[in-house]
């Protein structure tokens, strides 16, 4: 068996439609394009959203709201249950969270939330803490340190 010997099964391929080959072919004369008009001409291609000169729906609809995309701050969430599972004690920084696979990205901002419970004494460095998460960390004997307010 050779790759050059492989062929598709019969009737798997269709021969291309040959238009403009006389009235007996069924696609003679106008070649299936109808009669006159822009779409019957060669080289015709319609722009996306073009509605024949009528005001397009995109321009008829009112514009509302705004997009804050260039200025939004995306934070990544780390829960107490994750800190309990991964770390044994000591200092927990964003770099160590990246190494452990809890956080992704170069300039990740981390928000610690209070899902789960914490029994270990950890000093956690993050950009944001929920109030309950900060209370849970301090009650376990650790410390919640906000990055930039050290």
N, C-alpha and C. Protein backbone atom coordinates (compact mmCIF):
# COMPACT_ATOMS: atom_id res chain seq x y z
N UNK A 1 0.85 -1.19 0.00
CA UNK A 1 0.00 0.00 0.00
C UNK A 1 0.89 1.24 0.00
N UNK A 2 0.48 2.22 -0.78
CA UNK A 2 1.26 3.43 -0.95
C UNK A 2 0.29 4.62 -0.91
N UNK A 3 0.75 5.76 -0.40
CA UNK A 3 -0.13 6.93 -0.32
C UNK A 3 -0.60 7.40 -1.70
N UNK A 4 0.21 7.14 -2.73
CA UNK A 4 -0.19 7.56 -4.08
C UNK A 4 -1.27 6.66 -4.66
N UNK A 5 -1.50 5.50 -4.07
CA UNK A 5 -2.51 4.57 -4.58
C UNK A 5 -3.88 4.79 -3.94
N UNK A 6 -3.95 5.60 -2.88
CA UNK A 6 -5.22 5.81 -2.16
C UNK A 6 -6.13 6.71 -2.98
N UNK A 7 -7.37 6.27 -3.18
CA UNK A 7 -8.35 7.06 -3.91
C UNK A 7 -9.66 7.04 -3.14
N UNK A 8 -10.46 8.10 -3.25
CA UNK A 8 -11.76 8.09 -2.58
C UNK A 8 -12.70 7.08 -3.22
N UNK A 9 -13.70 6.63 -2.46
CA UNK A 9 -14.66 5.67 -3.00
C UNK A 9 -15.50 6.34 -4.10
N UNK A 10 -16.11 5.53 -4.95
CA UNK A 10 -16.91 6.07 -6.04
C UNK A 10 -18.10 6.86 -5.48
N UNK A 11 -18.46 7.92 -6.14
CA UNK A 11 -19.56 8.82 -5.78
C UNK A 11 -19.27 9.66 -4.53
N UNK A 12 -18.03 9.62 -4.06
CA UNK A 12 -17.68 10.47 -2.93
C UNK A 12 -17.35 11.88 -3.40
N UNK A 13 -16.83 11.99 -4.62
CA UNK A 13 -16.49 13.29 -5.18
C UNK A 13 -17.51 13.67 -6.24
N UNK A 14 -17.87 14.95 -6.27
CA UNK A 14 -18.78 15.46 -7.29
C UNK A 14 -17.96 16.24 -8.30
N UNK A 15 -18.28 16.10 -9.58
CA UNK A 15 -17.59 16.90 -10.58
C UNK A 15 -18.13 18.33 -10.48
N UNK A 16 -17.28 19.30 -10.80
CA UNK A 16 -17.68 20.69 -10.63
C UNK A 16 -18.77 21.07 -11.63
N UNK A 17 -19.55 22.09 -11.26
CA UNK A 17 -20.67 22.54 -12.08
C UNK A 17 -20.13 23.34 -13.26
N UNK A 18 -20.38 22.87 -14.49
CA UNK A 18 -19.90 23.58 -15.68
C UNK A 18 -21.06 24.39 -16.25
N UNK A 19 -20.97 25.69 -16.08
CA UNK A 19 -22.08 26.56 -16.49
C UNK A 19 -21.80 27.17 -17.85
N UNK A 20 -22.86 27.61 -18.50
CA UNK A 20 -22.72 28.28 -19.79
C UNK A 20 -22.36 27.33 -20.91
N UNK A 21 -22.89 26.10 -20.87
CA UNK A 21 -22.56 25.11 -21.89
C UNK A 21 -23.79 24.70 -22.70
N UNK A 22 -24.66 25.65 -22.97
CA UNK A 22 -25.79 25.38 -23.84
C UNK A 22 -27.06 25.02 -23.09
N UNK A 23 -28.21 25.07 -23.81
CA UNK A 23 -29.50 24.85 -23.17
C UNK A 23 -29.70 23.43 -22.67
N UNK A 24 -29.03 22.46 -23.25
CA UNK A 24 -29.21 21.08 -22.81
C UNK A 24 -28.61 20.81 -21.43
N UNK A 25 -27.68 21.64 -20.98
CA UNK A 25 -27.02 21.38 -19.70
C UNK A 25 -27.89 21.80 -18.52
N UNK A 26 -28.89 22.67 -18.80
CA UNK A 26 -29.71 23.18 -17.70
C UNK A 26 -29.12 24.43 -17.08
N UNK A 27 -27.88 24.73 -17.40
CA UNK A 27 -27.24 25.95 -16.89
C UNK A 27 -26.60 26.71 -18.04
N UNK A 28 -27.34 26.83 -19.16
CA UNK A 28 -26.84 27.58 -20.31
C UNK A 28 -27.29 29.02 -20.24
N UNK A 29 -27.05 29.77 -21.27
CA UNK A 29 -27.43 31.17 -21.44
C UNK A 29 -27.01 32.04 -20.26
N UNK A 30 -27.85 32.19 -19.22
CA UNK A 30 -27.51 33.08 -18.11
C UNK A 30 -26.71 32.36 -17.02
N UNK A 31 -26.44 31.11 -17.18
CA UNK A 31 -25.57 30.33 -16.28
C UNK A 31 -26.06 30.31 -14.84
N UNK A 32 -27.36 30.28 -14.64
CA UNK A 32 -27.91 30.17 -13.29
C UNK A 32 -27.89 31.45 -12.50
N UNK A 33 -27.60 32.60 -13.18
CA UNK A 33 -27.53 33.87 -12.47
C UNK A 33 -28.80 34.70 -12.62
N UNK A 34 -29.82 34.17 -13.23
CA UNK A 34 -31.02 34.96 -13.47
C UNK A 34 -30.79 35.89 -14.65
N UNK A 35 -31.60 36.97 -14.73
CA UNK A 35 -31.46 37.86 -15.87
C UNK A 35 -30.63 39.08 -15.48
N UNK A 36 -31.14 40.30 -15.69
CA UNK A 36 -30.31 41.48 -15.48
C UNK A 36 -30.10 41.78 -13.99
N UNK A 37 -29.24 42.71 -13.74
CA UNK A 37 -29.02 43.16 -12.37
C UNK A 37 -27.56 43.04 -11.98
N UNK A 38 -27.27 43.64 -10.86
CA UNK A 38 -25.88 43.70 -10.39
C UNK A 38 -25.31 42.31 -10.14
N UNK A 39 -26.13 41.41 -9.59
CA UNK A 39 -25.62 40.08 -9.25
C UNK A 39 -25.39 39.19 -10.46
N UNK A 40 -25.88 39.60 -11.64
CA UNK A 40 -25.67 38.79 -12.84
C UNK A 40 -24.34 39.13 -13.51
N UNK A 41 -23.72 40.22 -13.10
CA UNK A 41 -22.49 40.68 -13.76
C UNK A 41 -21.26 39.96 -13.19
N UNK A 42 -20.22 39.91 -13.99
CA UNK A 42 -18.98 39.31 -13.50
C UNK A 42 -18.30 40.30 -12.54
N UNK A 43 -17.56 39.77 -11.60
CA UNK A 43 -16.85 40.64 -10.65
C UNK A 43 -17.69 41.14 -9.51
N UNK A 44 -18.94 40.68 -9.43
CA UNK A 44 -19.82 41.17 -8.37
C UNK A 44 -19.41 40.58 -7.02
N UNK A 45 -19.30 41.41 -6.01
CA UNK A 45 -19.17 40.94 -4.63
C UNK A 45 -19.77 42.00 -3.73
N UNK A 46 -20.64 41.58 -2.83
CA UNK A 46 -21.36 42.51 -1.98
C UNK A 46 -20.59 42.73 -0.69
N UNK A 47 -20.49 43.97 -0.24
CA UNK A 47 -19.85 44.30 1.03
C UNK A 47 -20.67 43.74 2.18
N UNK A 48 -20.02 43.28 3.24
CA UNK A 48 -20.72 42.74 4.40
C UNK A 48 -21.63 43.82 4.99
N UNK A 49 -22.88 43.48 5.20
CA UNK A 49 -23.84 44.42 5.79
C UNK A 49 -24.51 45.33 4.77
N UNK A 50 -24.19 45.19 3.48
CA UNK A 50 -24.79 46.04 2.45
C UNK A 50 -26.23 45.62 2.22
N UNK A 51 -27.13 46.60 2.20
CA UNK A 51 -28.55 46.31 2.06
C UNK A 51 -29.14 47.00 0.84
N UNK A 52 -28.39 47.05 -0.24
CA UNK A 52 -28.91 47.58 -1.50
C UNK A 52 -29.08 49.08 -1.51
N UNK A 53 -28.33 49.80 -0.73
CA UNK A 53 -28.42 51.26 -0.71
C UNK A 53 -29.31 51.78 0.39
N UNK A 54 -30.18 50.93 0.94
CA UNK A 54 -31.00 51.33 2.10
C UNK A 54 -30.07 51.52 3.30
N UNK A 55 -30.47 52.37 4.24
CA UNK A 55 -29.65 52.61 5.42
C UNK A 55 -29.49 51.28 6.19
N UNK A 56 -28.27 50.79 6.38
CA UNK A 56 -28.07 49.48 7.00
C UNK A 56 -28.56 49.43 8.44
N UNK A 57 -28.94 48.24 8.89
CA UNK A 57 -29.50 48.09 10.23
C UNK A 57 -28.51 48.48 11.32
N UNK A 58 -27.22 48.31 11.04
CA UNK A 58 -26.20 48.69 12.01
C UNK A 58 -26.23 50.19 12.25
N UNK A 59 -26.53 50.96 11.21
CA UNK A 59 -26.58 52.41 11.36
C UNK A 59 -27.95 52.90 11.80
N UNK A 60 -29.00 52.07 11.61
CA UNK A 60 -30.35 52.46 12.05
C UNK A 60 -30.53 52.29 13.55
N UNK A 61 -29.80 51.34 14.13
CA UNK A 61 -29.96 51.05 15.56
C UNK A 61 -29.32 52.13 16.41
N UNK A 62 -29.93 52.48 17.55
CA UNK A 62 -29.32 53.49 18.41
C UNK A 62 -28.08 52.93 19.11
N UNK A 63 -27.12 53.80 19.35
CA UNK A 63 -25.90 53.40 20.04
C UNK A 63 -26.08 53.72 21.52
N UNK A 64 -25.80 52.72 22.40
CA UNK A 64 -25.97 52.92 23.84
C UNK A 64 -24.77 52.37 24.57
N UNK A 65 -24.48 52.93 25.72
CA UNK A 65 -23.46 52.40 26.60
C UNK A 65 -22.05 52.77 26.15
N UNK A 66 -21.08 52.16 26.81
CA UNK A 66 -19.69 52.41 26.47
C UNK A 66 -18.88 51.17 26.84
N UNK A 67 -17.66 51.14 26.37
CA UNK A 67 -16.77 50.01 26.65
C UNK A 67 -15.57 50.51 27.45
N UNK A 68 -15.31 49.89 28.57
CA UNK A 68 -14.22 50.31 29.44
C UNK A 68 -12.99 49.42 29.26
N UNK A 69 -12.94 48.68 28.16
CA UNK A 69 -11.91 47.65 27.97
C UNK A 69 -10.48 48.12 28.19
N UNK A 70 -10.04 49.26 27.65
CA UNK A 70 -8.63 49.58 27.83
C UNK A 70 -8.24 49.86 29.27
N UNK A 71 -9.20 50.17 30.12
CA UNK A 71 -8.89 50.57 31.49
C UNK A 71 -9.31 49.56 32.55
N UNK A 72 -9.95 48.45 32.15
CA UNK A 72 -10.43 47.51 33.14
C UNK A 72 -9.28 46.77 33.80
N UNK A 73 -9.47 46.44 35.06
CA UNK A 73 -8.48 45.68 35.81
C UNK A 73 -9.03 44.29 36.04
N UNK A 74 -8.38 43.29 35.47
CA UNK A 74 -8.83 41.92 35.65
C UNK A 74 -8.06 41.28 36.79
N UNK A 75 -8.79 40.75 37.75
CA UNK A 75 -8.16 40.08 38.87
C UNK A 75 -8.44 38.59 38.80
N UNK A 76 -7.53 37.80 39.35
CA UNK A 76 -7.72 36.36 39.39
C UNK A 76 -8.05 35.96 40.82
N UNK A 77 -8.98 35.05 40.94
CA UNK A 77 -9.51 34.68 42.25
C UNK A 77 -8.76 33.47 42.81
N UNK A 78 -8.36 33.60 44.06
CA UNK A 78 -7.78 32.48 44.81
C UNK A 78 -8.60 32.35 46.09
N UNK A 79 -9.09 31.15 46.35
CA UNK A 79 -9.92 30.91 47.53
C UNK A 79 -9.08 30.37 48.68
N UNK A 80 -9.60 30.49 49.88
CA UNK A 80 -8.90 29.98 51.06
C UNK A 80 -8.69 28.47 50.97
N UNK A 81 -9.64 27.78 50.38
CA UNK A 81 -9.53 26.32 50.24
C UNK A 81 -8.31 25.95 49.38
N UNK A 82 -7.98 26.80 48.38
CA UNK A 82 -6.80 26.57 47.55
C UNK A 82 -5.52 26.80 48.34
N UNK A 83 -5.49 27.87 49.14
CA UNK A 83 -4.32 28.15 49.97
C UNK A 83 -4.09 27.03 50.97
N UNK A 84 -5.18 26.52 51.54
CA UNK A 84 -5.10 25.41 52.51
C UNK A 84 -4.54 24.15 51.85
N UNK A 85 -4.95 23.92 50.62
CA UNK A 85 -4.56 22.69 49.92
C UNK A 85 -3.10 22.74 49.48
N UNK A 86 -2.63 23.90 49.00
CA UNK A 86 -1.33 23.98 48.36
C UNK A 86 -0.19 24.31 49.33
N UNK A 87 -0.41 25.25 50.24
CA UNK A 87 0.69 25.76 51.07
C UNK A 87 0.65 25.16 52.47
N UNK A 88 1.87 24.98 53.04
CA UNK A 88 1.96 24.40 54.38
C UNK A 88 2.11 25.46 55.46
N UNK A 89 2.74 26.56 55.14
CA UNK A 89 2.93 27.63 56.10
C UNK A 89 3.90 28.67 55.55
N UNK A 90 4.13 29.74 56.33
CA UNK A 90 5.08 30.78 55.93
C UNK A 90 4.44 31.83 55.06
N UNK A 91 5.29 32.47 54.21
CA UNK A 91 4.85 33.57 53.35
C UNK A 91 4.32 33.04 52.02
N UNK A 92 3.22 33.60 51.59
CA UNK A 92 2.63 33.24 50.29
C UNK A 92 2.52 34.51 49.46
N UNK A 93 3.33 34.58 48.39
CA UNK A 93 3.32 35.74 47.49
C UNK A 93 2.66 35.35 46.17
N UNK A 94 2.49 36.35 45.32
CA UNK A 94 1.88 36.11 44.01
C UNK A 94 2.78 35.21 43.17
N UNK A 95 4.10 35.37 43.31
CA UNK A 95 5.06 34.54 42.56
C UNK A 95 4.91 33.08 42.96
N UNK A 96 4.76 32.82 44.25
CA UNK A 96 4.59 31.44 44.72
C UNK A 96 3.25 30.86 44.29
N UNK A 97 2.23 31.71 44.21
CA UNK A 97 0.93 31.25 43.72
C UNK A 97 1.02 30.86 42.24
N UNK A 98 1.83 31.62 41.46
CA UNK A 98 2.06 31.28 40.05
C UNK A 98 2.76 29.93 39.94
N UNK A 99 3.80 29.72 40.75
CA UNK A 99 4.54 28.46 40.71
C UNK A 99 3.64 27.29 41.07
N UNK A 100 2.70 27.51 41.99
CA UNK A 100 1.79 26.45 42.42
C UNK A 100 0.65 26.22 41.42
N UNK A 101 0.50 27.14 40.44
CA UNK A 101 -0.53 26.98 39.42
C UNK A 101 -1.87 27.57 39.81
N UNK A 102 -1.91 28.38 40.86
CA UNK A 102 -3.17 29.02 41.27
C UNK A 102 -3.46 30.26 40.46
N UNK A 103 -2.40 30.89 39.91
CA UNK A 103 -2.52 32.15 39.20
C UNK A 103 -1.80 32.02 37.87
N UNK A 104 -2.36 32.62 36.81
CA UNK A 104 -1.74 32.61 35.50
C UNK A 104 -1.52 34.03 35.02
N UNK A 105 -0.52 34.22 34.17
CA UNK A 105 -0.28 35.53 33.56
C UNK A 105 0.90 36.24 34.18
N UNK A 106 1.46 37.19 33.40
CA UNK A 106 2.63 37.93 33.84
C UNK A 106 2.29 38.94 34.95
N UNK A 107 1.34 39.82 34.65
CA UNK A 107 0.99 40.88 35.60
C UNK A 107 -0.34 40.56 36.26
N UNK A 108 -0.41 39.43 36.90
CA UNK A 108 -1.67 38.98 37.50
C UNK A 108 -1.95 39.76 38.78
N UNK A 109 -3.19 40.21 38.90
CA UNK A 109 -3.65 40.80 40.16
C UNK A 109 -4.51 39.76 40.85
N UNK A 110 -4.27 39.55 42.13
CA UNK A 110 -4.89 38.44 42.85
C UNK A 110 -5.88 38.97 43.88
N UNK A 111 -7.05 38.35 43.90
CA UNK A 111 -8.07 38.65 44.90
C UNK A 111 -8.33 37.37 45.68
N UNK A 112 -8.19 37.46 47.00
CA UNK A 112 -8.39 36.29 47.86
C UNK A 112 -9.81 36.35 48.41
N UNK A 113 -10.57 35.26 48.20
CA UNK A 113 -11.94 35.17 48.68
C UNK A 113 -12.06 34.09 49.74
N UNK A 114 -13.15 34.11 50.48
CA UNK A 114 -13.29 33.30 51.69
C UNK A 114 -14.00 31.97 51.48
N UNK A 115 -13.89 31.37 50.30
CA UNK A 115 -14.52 30.07 50.09
C UNK A 115 -13.64 29.00 50.75
N UNK A 116 -14.21 28.24 51.62
CA UNK A 116 -13.46 27.22 52.36
C UNK A 116 -12.98 27.79 53.69
N UNK A 117 -12.13 27.01 54.37
CA UNK A 117 -11.60 27.47 55.66
C UNK A 117 -10.09 27.31 55.66
N UNK A 118 -9.43 28.01 56.59
CA UNK A 118 -7.98 28.00 56.68
C UNK A 118 -7.58 27.61 58.10
N UNK A 119 -6.72 26.61 58.22
CA UNK A 119 -6.26 26.17 59.54
C UNK A 119 -4.78 26.48 59.75
N UNK A 120 -4.06 26.79 58.65
CA UNK A 120 -2.61 27.03 58.74
C UNK A 120 -2.33 28.51 58.90
N UNK A 121 -1.21 28.81 59.55
CA UNK A 121 -0.79 30.19 59.74
C UNK A 121 -0.01 30.63 58.51
N UNK A 122 -0.62 31.50 57.70
CA UNK A 122 0.01 31.97 56.46
C UNK A 122 0.06 33.49 56.44
N UNK A 123 1.16 34.03 55.89
CA UNK A 123 1.24 35.46 55.61
C UNK A 123 1.01 35.60 54.11
N UNK A 124 -0.19 36.06 53.76
CA UNK A 124 -0.61 36.08 52.35
C UNK A 124 -0.47 37.48 51.78
N UNK A 125 0.27 37.60 50.67
CA UNK A 125 0.43 38.87 49.95
C UNK A 125 -0.46 38.81 48.71
N UNK A 126 -1.40 39.75 48.57
CA UNK A 126 -2.29 39.80 47.40
C UNK A 126 -2.73 41.24 47.18
N UNK A 127 -3.35 41.48 46.03
CA UNK A 127 -3.81 42.83 45.70
C UNK A 127 -5.09 43.19 46.42
N UNK A 128 -5.99 42.21 46.61
CA UNK A 128 -7.26 42.46 47.28
C UNK A 128 -7.62 41.28 48.16
N UNK A 129 -8.33 41.57 49.24
CA UNK A 129 -8.88 40.53 50.11
C UNK A 129 -10.34 40.86 50.37
N UNK A 130 -11.19 39.85 50.38
CA UNK A 130 -12.55 40.10 50.86
C UNK A 130 -12.46 40.20 52.38
N UNK A 131 -13.44 40.85 52.98
CA UNK A 131 -13.40 41.09 54.42
C UNK A 131 -13.37 39.78 55.20
N UNK A 132 -14.18 38.82 54.79
CA UNK A 132 -14.23 37.52 55.47
C UNK A 132 -12.93 36.75 55.30
N UNK A 133 -12.30 36.87 54.11
CA UNK A 133 -11.04 36.17 53.87
C UNK A 133 -9.94 36.73 54.77
N UNK A 134 -9.88 38.05 54.89
CA UNK A 134 -8.87 38.67 55.76
C UNK A 134 -9.09 38.26 57.21
N UNK A 135 -10.36 38.21 57.65
CA UNK A 135 -10.66 37.78 59.02
C UNK A 135 -10.27 36.32 59.24
N UNK A 136 -10.52 35.46 58.26
CA UNK A 136 -10.19 34.04 58.39
C UNK A 136 -8.70 33.82 58.45
N UNK A 137 -7.92 34.59 57.68
CA UNK A 137 -6.46 34.46 57.70
C UNK A 137 -5.90 34.90 59.03
N UNK A 138 -6.39 36.05 59.56
CA UNK A 138 -5.89 36.54 60.85
C UNK A 138 -6.33 35.65 62.01
N UNK A 139 -7.53 35.07 61.94
CA UNK A 139 -8.00 34.20 63.01
C UNK A 139 -7.23 32.87 63.04
N UNK A 140 -6.64 32.47 61.88
CA UNK A 140 -5.83 31.25 61.82
C UNK A 140 -4.40 31.51 62.28
N UNK A 141 -4.10 32.78 62.64
CA UNK A 141 -2.77 33.11 63.12
C UNK A 141 -1.87 33.69 62.05
N UNK A 142 -2.41 33.99 60.89
CA UNK A 142 -1.62 34.54 59.80
C UNK A 142 -1.82 36.03 59.65
N UNK A 143 -1.49 36.52 58.47
CA UNK A 143 -1.58 37.96 58.21
C UNK A 143 -1.96 38.17 56.75
N UNK A 144 -2.89 39.10 56.49
CA UNK A 144 -3.30 39.45 55.12
C UNK A 144 -2.64 40.76 54.76
N UNK A 145 -1.68 40.71 53.83
CA UNK A 145 -0.92 41.89 53.43
C UNK A 145 -1.36 42.32 52.04
N UNK A 146 -1.86 43.57 51.94
CA UNK A 146 -2.28 44.11 50.65
C UNK A 146 -1.05 44.65 49.93
N UNK A 147 -0.81 44.20 48.70
CA UNK A 147 0.36 44.63 47.93
C UNK A 147 0.22 46.12 47.64
N UNK A 148 1.27 46.87 47.89
CA UNK A 148 1.25 48.32 47.68
C UNK A 148 0.94 49.08 48.96
N UNK A 149 0.47 48.40 50.00
CA UNK A 149 0.19 49.05 51.29
C UNK A 149 1.01 48.40 52.40
N UNK A 150 2.19 47.85 52.04
CA UNK A 150 3.00 47.15 53.03
C UNK A 150 3.72 48.13 53.94
